[in-house]
Amino acid sequence: MPQFIIVDTSSIIFGLSHRSDVFNAILAYEPSYKPVVSEGVVNELKGIGSSRGRYAKYARAGLELIRKHGIEVEDGQGYVDSWILRKAFTLKFDVCTNDTALRRKLKEKGIKTFSLSIQGYIK
């Protein structure tokens, strides 16, 4: 049975901005992981992708990666970090995030976390 891992916006964009696919990195690290994202992550990527900011192209590429990999998108409107905290704590999902503050909150709750390195490895 696969172990679910929540992937947040920061890891997707960080990976792409360093020429890495976070989903491939997760599966290389632990093939039994099943990555999931929330609707909130998809909405954040859409919002960033529709701007002219420096991360817009990475956000659009992130949406394409989600489609390409067939990543499950779970219901979850509202504040993404709250959804991640709630889902990870109640269902014991692991989390991949490059958001330092979120990672600290998750660790305080005893949730296993990972981040993507510049080299494209999960740590």
PDB file of N, CA and C in Angstrom:
ATOM      1  N   MET A   1       0.854  -1.193   0.000  1.00  0.00           N
ATOM      2  CA  MET A   1       0.000   0.000   0.000  1.00  0.00           C
ATOM      3  C   MET A   1       0.891   1.244   0.000  1.00  0.00           C
ATOM      4  N   PRO A   2       0.602   2.192  -0.886  1.00  0.00           N
ATOM      5  CA  PRO A   2       1.472   3.374  -0.966  1.00  0.00           C
ATOM      6  C   PRO A   2       1.324   4.282   0.249  1.00  0.00           C
ATOM      7  N   GLN A   3       2.387   4.969   0.544  1.00  0.00           N
ATOM      8  CA  GLN A   3       2.393   6.005   1.567  1.00  0.00           C
ATOM      9  C   GLN A   3       2.190   7.332   0.836  1.00  0.00           C
ATOM     10  N   PHE A   4       1.191   8.083   1.247  1.00  0.00           N
ATOM     11  CA  PHE A   4       0.927   9.372   0.603  1.00  0.00           C
ATOM     12  C   PHE A   4       1.893  10.427   1.102  1.00  0.00           C
ATOM     13  N   ILE A   5       2.286  11.303   0.197  1.00  0.00           N
ATOM     14  CA  ILE A   5       3.121  12.451   0.541  1.00  0.00           C
ATOM     15  C   ILE A   5       2.516  13.682  -0.124  1.00  0.00           C
ATOM     16  N   ILE A   6       2.256  14.683   0.679  1.00  0.00           N
ATOM     17  CA  ILE A   6       1.709  15.949   0.191  1.00  0.00           C
ATOM     18  C   ILE A   6       2.861  16.779  -0.361  1.00  0.00           C
ATOM     19  N   VAL A   7       2.655  17.345  -1.524  1.00  0.00           N
ATOM     20  CA  VAL A   7       3.662  18.208  -2.134  1.00  0.00           C
ATOM     21  C   VAL A   7       3.076  19.609  -2.207  1.00  0.00           C
ATOM     22  N   ASP A   8       3.818  20.592  -1.717  1.00  0.00           N
ATOM     23  CA  ASP A   8       3.281  21.947  -1.726  1.00  0.00           C
ATOM     24  C   ASP A   8       3.874  22.779  -2.854  1.00  0.00           C
ATOM     25  N   THR A   9       3.332  23.944  -3.010  1.00  0.00           N
ATOM     26  CA  THR A   9       3.703  24.856  -4.086  1.00  0.00           C
ATOM     27  C   THR A   9       5.184  25.188  -4.070  1.00  0.00           C
ATOM     28  N   SER A  10       5.740  25.417  -2.881  1.00  0.00           N
ATOM     29  CA  SER A  10       7.136  25.839  -2.789  1.00  0.00           C
ATOM     30  C   SER A  10       8.086  24.795  -3.358  1.00  0.00           C
ATOM     31  N   SER A  11       7.813  23.519  -3.123  1.00  0.00           N
ATOM     32  CA  SER A  11       8.692  22.464  -3.641  1.00  0.00           C
ATOM     33  C   SER A  11       8.586  22.327  -5.156  1.00  0.00           C
ATOM     34  N   ILE A  12       7.399  22.486  -5.668  1.00  0.00           N
ATOM     35  CA  ILE A  12       7.206  22.391  -7.116  1.00  0.00           C
ATOM     36  C   ILE A  12       7.967  23.508  -7.815  1.00  0.00           C
ATOM     37  N   ILE A  13       7.773  24.744  -7.351  1.00  0.00           N
ATOM     38  CA  ILE A  13       8.427  25.894  -7.986  1.00  0.00           C
ATOM     39  C   ILE A  13       9.934  25.875  -7.742  1.00  0.00           C
ATOM     40  N   PHE A  14      10.349  25.547  -6.525  1.00  0.00           N
ATOM     41  CA  PHE A  14      11.785  25.480  -6.230  1.00  0.00           C
ATOM     42  C   PHE A  14      12.464  24.482  -7.168  1.00  0.00           C
ATOM     43  N   GLY A  15      11.871  23.302  -7.300  1.00  0.00           N
ATOM     44  CA  GLY A  15      12.462  22.296  -8.163  1.00  0.00           C
ATOM     45  C   GLY A  15      12.598  22.774  -9.594  1.00  0.00           C
ATOM     46  N   LEU A  16      11.529  23.296 -10.133  1.00  0.00           N
ATOM     47  CA  LEU A  16      11.565  23.749 -11.521  1.00  0.00           C
ATOM     48  C   LEU A  16      12.532  24.906 -11.725  1.00  0.00           C
ATOM     49  N   SER A  17      12.663  25.770 -10.733  1.00  0.00           N
ATOM     50  CA  SER A  17      13.599  26.892 -10.862  1.00  0.00           C
ATOM     51  C   SER A  17      15.052  26.423 -10.788  1.00  0.00           C
ATOM     52  N   HIS A  18      15.251  25.164 -10.361  1.00  0.00           N
ATOM     53  CA  HIS A  18      16.592  24.566 -10.319  1.00  0.00           C
ATOM     54  C   HIS A  18      16.683  23.352 -11.252  1.00  0.00           C
ATOM     55  N   ARG A  19      15.796  23.339 -12.254  1.00  0.00           N
ATOM     56  CA  ARG A  19      15.777  22.303 -13.294  1.00  0.00           C
ATOM     57  C   ARG A  19      15.567  20.895 -12.741  1.00  0.00           C
ATOM     58  N   SER A  20      14.693  20.786 -11.747  1.00  0.00           N
ATOM     59  CA  SER A  20      14.370  19.485 -11.158  1.00  0.00           C
ATOM     60  C   SER A  20      12.863  19.283 -11.127  1.00  0.00           C
ATOM     61  N   ASP A  21      12.469  18.041 -11.234  1.00  0.00           N
ATOM     62  CA  ASP A  21      11.073  17.633 -11.141  1.00  0.00           C
ATOM     63  C   ASP A  21      10.878  17.022  -9.753  1.00  0.00           C
ATOM     64  N   VAL A  22      10.187  17.710  -8.875  1.00  0.00           N
ATOM     65  CA  VAL A  22      10.015  17.245  -7.503  1.00  0.00           C
ATOM     66  C   VAL A  22       9.340  15.879  -7.445  1.00  0.00           C
ATOM     67  N   PHE A  23       8.439  15.610  -8.355  1.00  0.00           N
ATOM     68  CA  PHE A  23       7.731  14.327  -8.341  1.00  0.00           C
ATOM     69  C   PHE A  23       8.673  13.171  -8.690  1.00  0.00           C
ATOM     70  N   ASN A  24       9.548  13.383  -9.673  1.00  0.00           N
ATOM     71  CA  ASN A  24      10.558  12.369  -9.985  1.00  0.00           C
ATOM     72  C   ASN A  24      11.521  12.182  -8.818  1.00  0.00           C
ATOM     73  N   ALA A  25      11.899  13.278  -8.178  1.00  0.00           N
ATOM     74  CA  ALA A  25      12.822  13.194  -7.039  1.00  0.00           C
ATOM     75  C   ALA A  25      12.203  12.404  -5.887  1.00  0.00           C
ATOM     76  N   ILE A  26      10.925  12.623  -5.628  1.00  0.00           N
ATOM     77  CA  ILE A  26      10.231  11.888  -4.557  1.00  0.00           C
ATOM     78  C   ILE A  26      10.216  10.402  -4.871  1.00  0.00           C
ATOM     79  N   LEU A  27       9.853  10.052  -6.097  1.00  0.00           N
ATOM     80  CA  LEU A  27       9.767   8.636  -6.464  1.00  0.00           C
ATOM     81  C   LEU A  27      11.142   7.975  -6.516  1.00  0.00           C
ATOM     82  N   ALA A  28      12.186   8.732  -6.855  1.00  0.00           N
ATOM     83  CA  ALA A  28      13.542   8.184  -6.817  1.00  0.00           C
ATOM     84  C   ALA A  28      13.968   7.926  -5.376  1.00  0.00           C
ATOM     85  N   TYR A  29      13.546   8.805  -4.471  1.00  0.00           N
ATOM     86  CA  TYR A  29      13.876   8.653  -3.051  1.00  0.00           C
ATOM     87  C   TYR A  29      13.118   7.489  -2.428  1.00  0.00           C
ATOM     88  N   GLU A  30      11.818   7.412  -2.714  1.00  0.00           N
ATOM     89  CA  GLU A  30      10.973   6.361  -2.137  1.00  0.00           C
ATOM     90  C   GLU A  30       9.888   5.984  -3.141  1.00  0.00           C
ATOM     91  N   PRO A  31      10.121   4.902  -3.906  1.00  0.00           N
ATOM     92  CA  PRO A  31       9.170   4.510  -4.959  1.00  0.00           C
ATOM     93  C   PRO A  31       7.756   4.207  -4.462  1.00  0.00           C
ATOM     94  N   SER A  32       7.590   3.908  -3.175  1.00  0.00           N
ATOM     95  CA  SER A  32       6.238   3.592  -2.686  1.00  0.00           C
ATOM     96  C   SER A  32       5.414   4.835  -2.364  1.00  0.00           C
ATOM     97  N   TYR A  33       6.045   6.023  -2.426  1.00  0.00           N
ATOM     98  CA  TYR A  33       5.291   7.247  -2.172  1.00  0.00           C
ATOM     99  C   TYR A  33       4.288   7.505  -3.292  1.00  0.00           C
ATOM    100  N   LYS A  34       3.138   8.026  -2.914  1.00  0.00           N
ATOM    101  CA  LYS A  34       2.124   8.486  -3.870  1.00  0.00           C
ATOM    102  C   LYS A  34       1.925   9.973  -3.610  1.00  0.00           C
ATOM    103  N   PRO A  35       2.496  10.836  -4.460  1.00  0.00           N
ATOM    104  CA  PRO A  35       2.356  12.282  -4.255  1.00  0.00           C
ATOM    105  C   PRO A  35       0.918  12.758  -4.471  1.00  0.00           C
ATOM    106  N   VAL A  36       0.496  13.706  -3.638  1.00  0.00           N
ATOM    107  CA  VAL A  36      -0.804  14.355  -3.778  1.00  0.00           C
ATOM    108  C   VAL A  36      -0.622  15.858  -3.581  1.00  0.00           C
ATOM    109  N   VAL A  37      -1.502  16.621  -4.200  1.00  0.00           N
ATOM    110  CA  VAL A  37      -1.556  18.065  -3.979  1.00  0.00           C
ATOM    111  C   VAL A  37      -3.003  18.437  -3.703  1.00  0.00           C
ATOM    112  N   SER A  38      -3.194  19.619  -3.158  1.00  0.00           N
ATOM    113  CA  SER A  38      -4.557  20.097  -2.909  1.00  0.00           C
ATOM    114  C   SER A  38      -4.995  21.022  -4.039  1.00  0.00           C
ATOM    115  N   GLU A  39      -6.289  21.232  -4.113  1.00  0.00           N
ATOM    116  CA  GLU A  39      -6.816  22.225  -5.057  1.00  0.00           C
ATOM    117  C   GLU A  39      -6.179  23.583  -4.791  1.00  0.00           C
ATOM    118  N   GLY A  40      -5.897  23.856  -3.533  1.00  0.00           N
ATOM    119  CA  GLY A  40      -5.266  25.130  -3.176  1.00  0.00           C
ATOM    120  C   GLY A  40      -3.901  25.296  -3.823  1.00  0.00           C
ATOM    121  N   VAL A  41      -3.121  24.225  -3.886  1.00  0.00           N
ATOM    122  CA  VAL A  41      -1.816  24.284  -4.553  1.00  0.00           C
ATOM    123  C   VAL A  41      -2.019  24.563  -6.041  1.00  0.00           C
ATOM    124  N   VAL A  42      -2.961  23.879  -6.658  1.00  0.00           N
ATOM    125  CA  VAL A  42      -3.255  24.115  -8.071  1.00  0.00           C
ATOM    126  C   VAL A  42      -3.667  25.571  -8.280  1.00  0.00           C
ATOM    127  N   ASN A  43      -4.515  26.095  -7.406  1.00  0.00           N
ATOM    128  CA  ASN A  43      -4.955  27.491  -7.527  1.00  0.00           C
ATOM    129  C   ASN A  43      -3.789  28.463  -7.325  1.00  0.00           C
ATOM    130  N   GLU A  44      -2.894  28.152  -6.376  1.00  0.00           N
ATOM    131  CA  GLU A  44      -1.715  29.014  -6.194  1.00  0.00           C
ATOM    132  C   GLU A  44      -0.858  29.015  -7.459  1.00  0.00           C
ATOM    133  N   LEU A  45      -0.634  27.837  -8.032  1.00  0.00           N
ATOM    134  CA  LEU A  45       0.156  27.754  -9.259  1.00  0.00           C
ATOM    135  C   LEU A  45      -0.515  28.518 -10.397  1.00  0.00           C
ATOM    136  N   LYS A  46      -1.829  28.421 -10.511  1.00  0.00           N
ATOM    137  CA  LYS A  46      -2.553  29.162 -11.546  1.00  0.00           C
ATOM    138  C   LYS A  46      -2.392  30.666 -11.340  1.00  0.00           C
ATOM    139  N   GLY A  47      -2.513  31.106 -10.092  1.00  0.00           N
ATOM    140  CA  GLY A  47      -2.374  32.529  -9.798  1.00  0.00           C
ATOM    141  C   GLY A  47      -0.982  33.047 -10.103  1.00  0.00           C
ATOM    142  N   ILE A  48       0.030  32.315  -9.662  1.00  0.00           N
ATOM    143  CA  ILE A  48       1.416  32.714  -9.932  1.00  0.00           C
ATOM    144  C   ILE A  48       1.684  32.646 -11.435  1.00  0.00           C
ATOM    145  N   GLY A  49       1.167  31.617 -12.077  1.00  0.00           N
ATOM    146  CA  GLY A  49       1.396  31.426 -13.506  1.00  0.00           C
ATOM    147  C   GLY A  49       0.748  32.473 -14.383  1.00  0.00           C
ATOM    148  N   SER A  50      -0.304  33.102 -13.887  1.00  0.00           N
ATOM    149  CA  SER A  50      -0.985  34.124 -14.685  1.00  0.00           C
ATOM    150  C   SER A  50      -0.344  35.507 -14.518  1.00  0.00           C
ATOM    151  N   SER A  51       0.640  35.602 -13.648  1.00  0.00           N
ATOM    152  CA  SER A  51       1.317  36.887 -13.434  1.00  0.00           C
ATOM    153  C   SER A  51       2.504  37.018 -14.387  1.00  0.00           C
ATOM    154  N   ARG A  52       3.193  38.123 -14.256  1.00  0.00           N
ATOM    155  CA  ARG A  52       4.408  38.351 -15.043  1.00  0.00           C
ATOM    156  C   ARG A  52       5.643  38.226 -14.154  1.00  0.00           C
ATOM    157  N   GLY A  53       5.456  37.668 -12.964  1.00  0.00           N
ATOM    158  CA  GLY A  53       6.569  37.545 -12.028  1.00  0.00           C
ATOM    159  C   GLY A  53       7.611  36.543 -12.473  1.00  0.00           C
ATOM    160  N   ARG A  54       8.728  36.534 -11.761  1.00  0.00           N
ATOM    161  CA  ARG A  54       9.843  35.677 -12.166  1.00  0.00           C
ATOM    162  C   ARG A  54       9.552  34.184 -12.000  1.00  0.00           C
ATOM    163  N   TYR A  55       8.522  33.829 -11.224  1.00  0.00           N
ATOM    164  CA  TYR A  55       8.196  32.422 -11.026  1.00  0.00           C
ATOM    165  C   TYR A  55       7.015  31.957 -11.883  1.00  0.00           C
ATOM    166  N   ALA A  56       6.483  32.846 -12.707  1.00  0.00           N
ATOM    167  CA  ALA A  56       5.294  32.522 -13.502  1.00  0.00           C
ATOM    168  C   ALA A  56       5.520  31.322 -14.412  1.00  0.00           C
ATOM    169  N   LYS A  57       6.635  31.288 -15.099  1.00  0.00           N
ATOM    170  CA  LYS A  57       6.872  30.169 -16.019  1.00  0.00           C
ATOM    171  C   LYS A  57       7.039  28.854 -15.264  1.00  0.00           C
ATOM    172  N   TYR A  58       7.583  28.912 -14.053  1.00  0.00           N
ATOM    173  CA  TYR A  58       7.740  27.696 -13.256  1.00  0.00           C
ATOM    174  C   TYR A  58       6.384  27.210 -12.740  1.00  0.00           C
ATOM    175  N   ALA A  59       5.520  28.145 -12.406  1.00  0.00           N
ATOM    176  CA  ALA A  59       4.179  27.770 -11.947  1.00  0.00           C
ATOM    177  C   ALA A  59       3.401  27.100 -13.070  1.00  0.00           C
ATOM    178  N   ARG A  60       3.481  27.650 -14.275  1.00  0.00           N
ATOM    179  CA  ARG A  60       2.802  27.027 -15.415  1.00  0.00           C
ATOM    180  C   ARG A  60       3.381  25.639 -15.698  1.00  0.00           C
ATOM    181  N   ALA A  61       4.691  25.514 -15.594  1.00  0.00           N
ATOM    182  CA  ALA A  61       5.331  24.208 -15.793  1.00  0.00           C
ATOM    183  C   ALA A  61       4.918  23.241 -14.683  1.00  0.00           C
ATOM    184  N   GLY A  62       4.717  23.763 -13.479  1.00  0.00           N
ATOM    185  CA  GLY A  62       4.267  22.927 -12.365  1.00  0.00           C
ATOM    186  C   GLY A  62       2.886  22.344 -12.614  1.00  0.00           C
ATOM    187  N   LEU A  63       1.998  23.140 -13.171  1.00  0.00           N
ATOM    188  CA  LEU A  63       0.663  22.638 -13.522  1.00  0.00           C
ATOM    189  C   LEU A  63       0.766  21.531 -14.565  1.00  0.00           C
ATOM    190  N   GLU A  64       1.671  21.712 -15.514  1.00  0.00           N
ATOM    191  CA  GLU A  64       1.873  20.681 -16.535  1.00  0.00           C
ATOM    192  C   GLU A  64       2.452  19.409 -15.910  1.00  0.00           C
ATOM    193  N   LEU A  65       3.359  19.537 -14.960  1.00  0.00           N
ATOM    194  CA  LEU A  65       3.916  18.355 -14.278  1.00  0.00           C
ATOM    195  C   LEU A  65       2.836  17.578 -13.536  1.00  0.00           C
ATOM    196  N   ILE A  66       1.951  18.294 -12.880  1.00  0.00           N
ATOM    197  CA  ILE A  66       0.858  17.639 -12.152  1.00  0.00           C
ATOM    198  C   ILE A  66       0.019  16.812 -13.131  1.00  0.00           C
ATOM    199  N   ARG A  67      -0.278  17.402 -14.286  1.00  0.00           N
ATOM    200  CA  ARG A  67      -1.047  16.677 -15.310  1.00  0.00           C
ATOM    201  C   ARG A  67      -0.237  15.498 -15.866  1.00  0.00           C
ATOM    202  N   LYS A  68       1.010  15.762 -16.217  1.00  0.00           N
ATOM    203  CA  LYS A  68       1.871  14.745 -16.834  1.00  0.00           C
ATOM    204  C   LYS A  68       2.036  13.516 -15.933  1.00  0.00           C
ATOM    205  N   HIS A  69       2.224  13.754 -14.656  1.00  0.00           N
ATOM    206  CA  HIS A  69       2.433  12.657 -13.712  1.00  0.00           C
ATOM    207  C   HIS A  69       1.122  12.049 -13.198  1.00  0.00           C
ATOM    208  N   GLY A  70      -0.004  12.659 -13.543  1.00  0.00           N
ATOM    209  CA  GLY A  70      -1.289  12.157 -13.057  1.00  0.00           C
ATOM    210  C   GLY A  70      -1.399  12.259 -11.542  1.00  0.00           C
ATOM    211  N   ILE A  71      -0.897  13.354 -10.988  1.00  0.00           N
ATOM    212  CA  ILE A  71      -0.902  13.560  -9.535  1.00  0.00           C
ATOM    213  C   ILE A  71      -2.332  13.789  -9.065  1.00  0.00           C
ATOM    214  N   GLU A  72      -2.691  13.107  -8.008  1.00  0.00           N
ATOM    215  CA  GLU A  72      -4.031  13.260  -7.422  1.00  0.00           C
ATOM    216  C   GLU A  72      -4.172  14.656  -6.823  1.00  0.00           C
ATOM    217  N   VAL A  73      -5.261  15.324  -7.190  1.00  0.00           N
ATOM    218  CA  VAL A  73      -5.572  16.643  -6.646  1.00  0.00           C
ATOM    219  C   VAL A  73      -6.748  16.459  -5.691  1.00  0.00           C
ATOM    220  N   GLU A  74      -6.500  16.704  -4.415  1.00  0.00           N
ATOM    221  CA  GLU A  74      -7.523  16.508  -3.388  1.00  0.00           C
ATOM    222  C   GLU A  74      -8.286  17.798  -3.143  1.00  0.00           C
ATOM    223  N   ASP A  75      -9.555  17.652  -2.763  1.00  0.00           N
ATOM    224  CA  ASP A  75     -10.354  18.810  -2.379  1.00  0.00           C
ATOM    225  C   ASP A  75      -9.628  19.546  -1.268  1.00  0.00           C
ATOM    226  N   GLY A  76      -9.661  20.825  -1.335  1.00  0.00           N
ATOM    227  CA  GLY A  76      -9.005  21.596  -0.293  1.00  0.00           C
ATOM    228  C   GLY A  76      -8.884  23.056  -0.648  1.00  0.00           C
ATOM    229  N   GLN A  77      -9.943  23.774  -0.475  1.00  0.00           N
ATOM    230  CA  GLN A  77      -9.934  25.210  -0.723  1.00  0.00           C
ATOM    231  C   GLN A  77      -9.441  25.922   0.533  1.00  0.00           C
ATOM    232  N   GLY A  78      -9.199  27.190   0.390  1.00  0.00           N
ATOM    233  CA  GLY A  78      -8.763  27.983   1.529  1.00  0.00           C
ATOM    234  C   GLY A  78      -7.255  28.030   1.636  1.00  0.00           C
ATOM    235  N   TYR A  79      -6.793  28.366   2.814  1.00  0.00           N
ATOM    236  CA  TYR A  79      -5.372  28.554   3.077  1.00  0.00           C
ATOM    237  C   TYR A  79      -4.640  27.215   2.963  1.00  0.00           C
ATOM    238  N   VAL A  80      -3.705  27.124   2.046  1.00  0.00           N
ATOM    239  CA  VAL A  80      -3.042  25.859   1.720  1.00  0.00           C
ATOM    240  C   VAL A  80      -2.293  25.285   2.917  1.00  0.00           C
ATOM    241  N   ASP A  81      -1.562  26.108   3.636  1.00  0.00           N
ATOM    242  CA  ASP A  81      -0.790  25.598   4.778  1.00  0.00           C
ATOM    243  C   ASP A  81      -1.695  24.961   5.830  1.00  0.00           C
ATOM    244  N   SER A  82      -2.849  25.539   6.061  1.00  0.00           N
ATOM    245  CA  SER A  82      -3.794  24.966   7.026  1.00  0.00           C
ATOM    246  C   SER A  82      -4.278  23.606   6.551  1.00  0.00           C
ATOM    247  N   TRP A  83      -4.571  23.491   5.257  1.00  0.00           N
ATOM    248  CA  TRP A  83      -5.008  22.207   4.695  1.00  0.00           C
ATOM    249  C   TRP A  83      -3.909  21.163   4.859  1.00  0.00           C
ATOM    250  N   ILE A  84      -2.670  21.544   4.539  1.00  0.00           N
ATOM    251  CA  ILE A  84      -1.541  20.618   4.654  1.00  0.00           C
ATOM    252  C   ILE A  84      -1.374  20.161   6.096  1.00  0.00           C
ATOM    253  N   LEU A  85      -1.386  21.087   7.032  1.00  0.00           N
ATOM    254  CA  LEU A  85      -1.234  20.736   8.448  1.00  0.00           C
ATOM    255  C   LEU A  85      -2.339  19.787   8.897  1.00  0.00           C
ATOM    256  N   ARG A  86      -3.557  20.106   8.553  1.00  0.00           N
ATOM    257  CA  ARG A  86      -4.700  19.294   8.971  1.00  0.00           C
ATOM    258  C   ARG A  86      -4.638  17.895   8.342  1.00  0.00           C
ATOM    259  N   LYS A  87      -4.415  17.833   7.056  1.00  0.00           N
ATOM    260  CA  LYS A  87      -4.395  16.559   6.328  1.00  0.00           C
ATOM    261  C   LYS A  87      -3.226  15.686   6.792  1.00  0.00           C
ATOM    262  N   ALA A  88      -2.064  16.277   6.914  1.00  0.00           N
ATOM    263  CA  ALA A  88      -0.882  15.510   7.320  1.00  0.00           C
ATOM    264  C   ALA A  88      -1.036  14.977   8.740  1.00  0.00           C
ATOM    265  N   PHE A  89      -1.597  15.776   9.619  1.00  0.00           N
ATOM    266  CA  PHE A  89      -1.741  15.363  11.018  1.00  0.00           C
ATOM    267  C   PHE A  89      -2.824  14.298  11.173  1.00  0.00           C
ATOM    268  N   THR A  90      -3.969  14.507  10.556  1.00  0.00           N
ATOM    269  CA  THR A  90      -5.081  13.571  10.764  1.00  0.00           C
ATOM    270  C   THR A  90      -4.891  12.253  10.012  1.00  0.00           C
ATOM    271  N   LEU A  91      -4.271  12.302   8.822  1.00  0.00           N
ATOM    272  CA  LEU A  91      -4.118  11.087   8.023  1.00  0.00           C
ATOM    273  C   LEU A  91      -2.694  10.532   8.027  1.00  0.00           C
ATOM    274  N   LYS A  92      -1.795  11.199   8.783  1.00  0.00           N
ATOM    275  CA  LYS A  92      -0.399  10.762   8.893  1.00  0.00           C
ATOM    276  C   LYS A  92       0.308  10.727   7.539  1.00  0.00           C
ATOM    277  N   PHE A  93       0.031  11.725   6.703  1.00  0.00           N
ATOM    278  CA  PHE A  93       0.728  11.863   5.436  1.00  0.00           C
ATOM    279  C   PHE A  93       2.067  12.547   5.686  1.00  0.00           C
ATOM    280  N   ASP A  94       3.098  12.179   4.944  1.00  0.00           N
ATOM    281  CA  ASP A  94       4.359  12.903   4.958  1.00  0.00           C
ATOM    282  C   ASP A  94       4.188  14.136   4.068  1.00  0.00           C
ATOM    283  N   VAL A  95       5.130  15.083   4.167  1.00  0.00           N
ATOM    284  CA  VAL A  95       5.010  16.337   3.408  1.00  0.00           C
ATOM    285  C   VAL A  95       6.349  16.711   2.803  1.00  0.00           C
ATOM    286  N   CYS A  96       6.319  17.129   1.543  1.00  0.00           N
ATOM    287  CA  CYS A  96       7.485  17.699   0.881  1.00  0.00           C
ATOM    288  C   CYS A  96       7.220  19.190   0.706  1.00  0.00           C
ATOM    289  N   THR A  97       8.023  20.003   1.383  1.00  0.00           N
ATOM    290  CA  THR A  97       7.871  21.456   1.313  1.00  0.00           C
ATOM    291  C   THR A  97       9.234  22.122   1.412  1.00  0.00           C
ATOM    292  N   ASN A  98       9.403  23.211   0.701  1.00  0.00           N
ATOM    293  CA  ASN A  98      10.593  24.028   0.833  1.00  0.00           C
ATOM    294  C   ASN A  98      10.276  25.318   1.595  1.00  0.00           C
ATOM    295  N   ASP A  99       9.128  25.351   2.221  1.00  0.00           N
ATOM    296  CA  ASP A  99       8.690  26.474   3.044  1.00  0.00           C
ATOM    297  C   ASP A  99       9.179  26.223   4.477  1.00  0.00           C
ATOM    298  N   THR A 100      10.164  26.986   4.912  1.00  0.00           N
ATOM    299  CA  THR A 100      10.804  26.772   6.212  1.00  0.00           C
ATOM    300  C   THR A 100       9.819  26.885   7.370  1.00  0.00           C
ATOM    301  N   ALA A 101       8.957  27.872   7.347  1.00  0.00           N
ATOM    302  CA  ALA A 101       8.003  28.064   8.448  1.00  0.00           C
ATOM    303  C   ALA A 101       7.012  26.896   8.514  1.00  0.00           C
ATOM    304  N   LEU A 102       6.513  26.463   7.372  1.00  0.00           N
ATOM    305  CA  LEU A 102       5.588  25.328   7.344  1.00  0.00           C
ATOM    306  C   LEU A 102       6.292  24.065   7.819  1.00  0.00           C
ATOM    307  N   ARG A 103       7.504  23.875   7.378  1.00  0.00           N
ATOM    308  CA  ARG A 103       8.256  22.675   7.784  1.00  0.00           C
ATOM    309  C   ARG A 103       8.440  22.635   9.302  1.00  0.00           C
ATOM    310  N   ARG A 104       8.718  23.779   9.896  1.00  0.00           N
ATOM    311  CA  ARG A 104       8.877  23.854  11.351  1.00  0.00           C
ATOM    312  C   ARG A 104       7.576  23.487  12.061  1.00  0.00           C
ATOM    313  N   LYS A 105       6.452  24.012  11.585  1.00  0.00           N
ATOM    314  CA  LYS A 105       5.146  23.689  12.182  1.00  0.00           C
ATOM    315  C   LYS A 105       4.839  22.201  12.071  1.00  0.00           C
ATOM    316  N   LEU A 106       5.139  21.617  10.925  1.00  0.00           N
ATOM    317  CA  LEU A 106       4.887  20.193  10.721  1.00  0.00           C
ATOM    318  C   LEU A 106       5.743  19.349  11.652  1.00  0.00           C
ATOM    319  N   LYS A 107       7.007  19.712  11.778  1.00  0.00           N
ATOM    320  CA  LYS A 107       7.913  18.958  12.657  1.00  0.00           C
ATOM    321  C   LYS A 107       7.457  19.041  14.112  1.00  0.00           C
ATOM    322  N   GLU A 108       6.932  20.208  14.516  1.00  0.00           N
ATOM    323  CA  GLU A 108       6.418  20.364  15.879  1.00  0.00           C
ATOM    324  C   GLU A 108       5.273  19.395  16.155  1.00  0.00           C
ATOM    325  N   LYS A 109       4.536  19.024  15.107  1.00  0.00           N
ATOM    326  CA  LYS A 109       3.418  18.089  15.246  1.00  0.00           C
ATOM    327  C   LYS A 109       3.856  16.639  15.006  1.00  0.00           C
ATOM    328  N   GLY A 110       5.150  16.435  14.810  1.00  0.00           N
ATOM    329  CA  GLY A 110       5.665  15.089  14.620  1.00  0.00           C
ATOM    330  C   GLY A 110       5.464  14.524  13.231  1.00  0.00           C
ATOM    331  N   ILE A 111       5.245  15.394  12.257  1.00  0.00           N
ATOM    332  CA  ILE A 111       5.007  14.957  10.878  1.00  0.00           C
ATOM    333  C   ILE A 111       6.342  14.903  10.133  1.00  0.00           C
ATOM    334  N   LYS A 112       6.562  13.808   9.416  1.00  0.00           N
ATOM    335  CA  LYS A 112       7.787  13.615   8.651  1.00  0.00           C
ATOM    336  C   LYS A 112       7.781  14.558   7.455  1.00  0.00           C
ATOM    337  N   THR A 113       8.850  15.327   7.304  1.00  0.00           N
ATOM    338  CA  THR A 113       8.936  16.297   6.221  1.00  0.00           C
ATOM    339  C   THR A 113      10.205  16.099   5.400  1.00  0.00           C
ATOM    340  N   PHE A 114      10.126  16.549   4.176  1.00  0.00           N
ATOM    341  CA  PHE A 114      11.254  16.523   3.260  1.00  0.00           C
ATOM    342  C   PHE A 114      11.284  17.844   2.526  1.00  0.00           C
ATOM    343  N   SER A 115      12.444  18.172   1.982  1.00  0.00           N
ATOM    344  CA  SER A 115      12.544  19.318   1.089  1.00  0.00           C
ATOM    345  C   SER A 115      13.398  18.906  -0.098  1.00  0.00           C
ATOM    346  N   LEU A 116      13.340  19.686  -1.136  1.00  0.00           N
ATOM    347  CA  LEU A 116      14.097  19.431  -2.346  1.00  0.00           C
ATOM    348  C   LEU A 116      15.372  20.251  -2.307  1.00  0.00           C
ATOM    349  N   SER A 117      16.504  19.615  -2.553  1.00  0.00           N
ATOM    350  CA  SER A 117      17.784  20.332  -2.559  1.00  0.00           C
ATOM    351  C   SER A 117      18.017  20.982  -3.925  1.00  0.00           C
ATOM    352  N   ILE A 118      18.981  21.849  -3.978  1.00  0.00           N
ATOM    353  CA  ILE A 118      19.336  22.512  -5.239  1.00  0.00           C
ATOM    354  C   ILE A 118      19.764  21.481  -6.272  1.00  0.00           C
ATOM    355  N   GLN A 119      20.354  20.384  -5.828  1.00  0.00           N
ATOM    356  CA  GLN A 119      20.796  19.331  -6.743  1.00  0.00           C
ATOM    357  C   GLN A 119      19.628  18.445  -7.208  1.00  0.00           C
ATOM    358  N   GLY A 120      18.443  18.652  -6.665  1.00  0.00           N
ATOM    359  CA  GLY A 120      17.285  17.883  -7.093  1.00  0.00           C
ATOM    360  C   GLY A 120      17.045  16.623  -6.303  1.00  0.00           C
ATOM    361  N   TYR A 121      17.665  16.529  -5.115  1.00  0.00           N
ATOM    362  CA  TYR A 121      17.468  15.361  -4.262  1.00  0.00           C
ATOM    363  C   TYR A 121      16.552  15.693  -3.105  1.00  0.00           C
ATOM    364  N   ILE A 122      15.832  14.694  -2.655  1.00  0.00           N
ATOM    365  CA  ILE A 122      14.982  14.853  -1.479  1.00  0.00           C
ATOM    366  C   ILE A 122      15.852  14.674  -0.247  1.00  0.00           C
ATOM    367  N   LYS A 123      15.683  15.597   0.708  1.00  0.00           N
ATOM    368  CA  LYS A 123      16.463  15.479   1.955  1.00  0.00           C
ATOM    369  C   LYS A 123      15.554  15.675   3.147  1.00  0.00           C
TER     370      LYS A 123
END
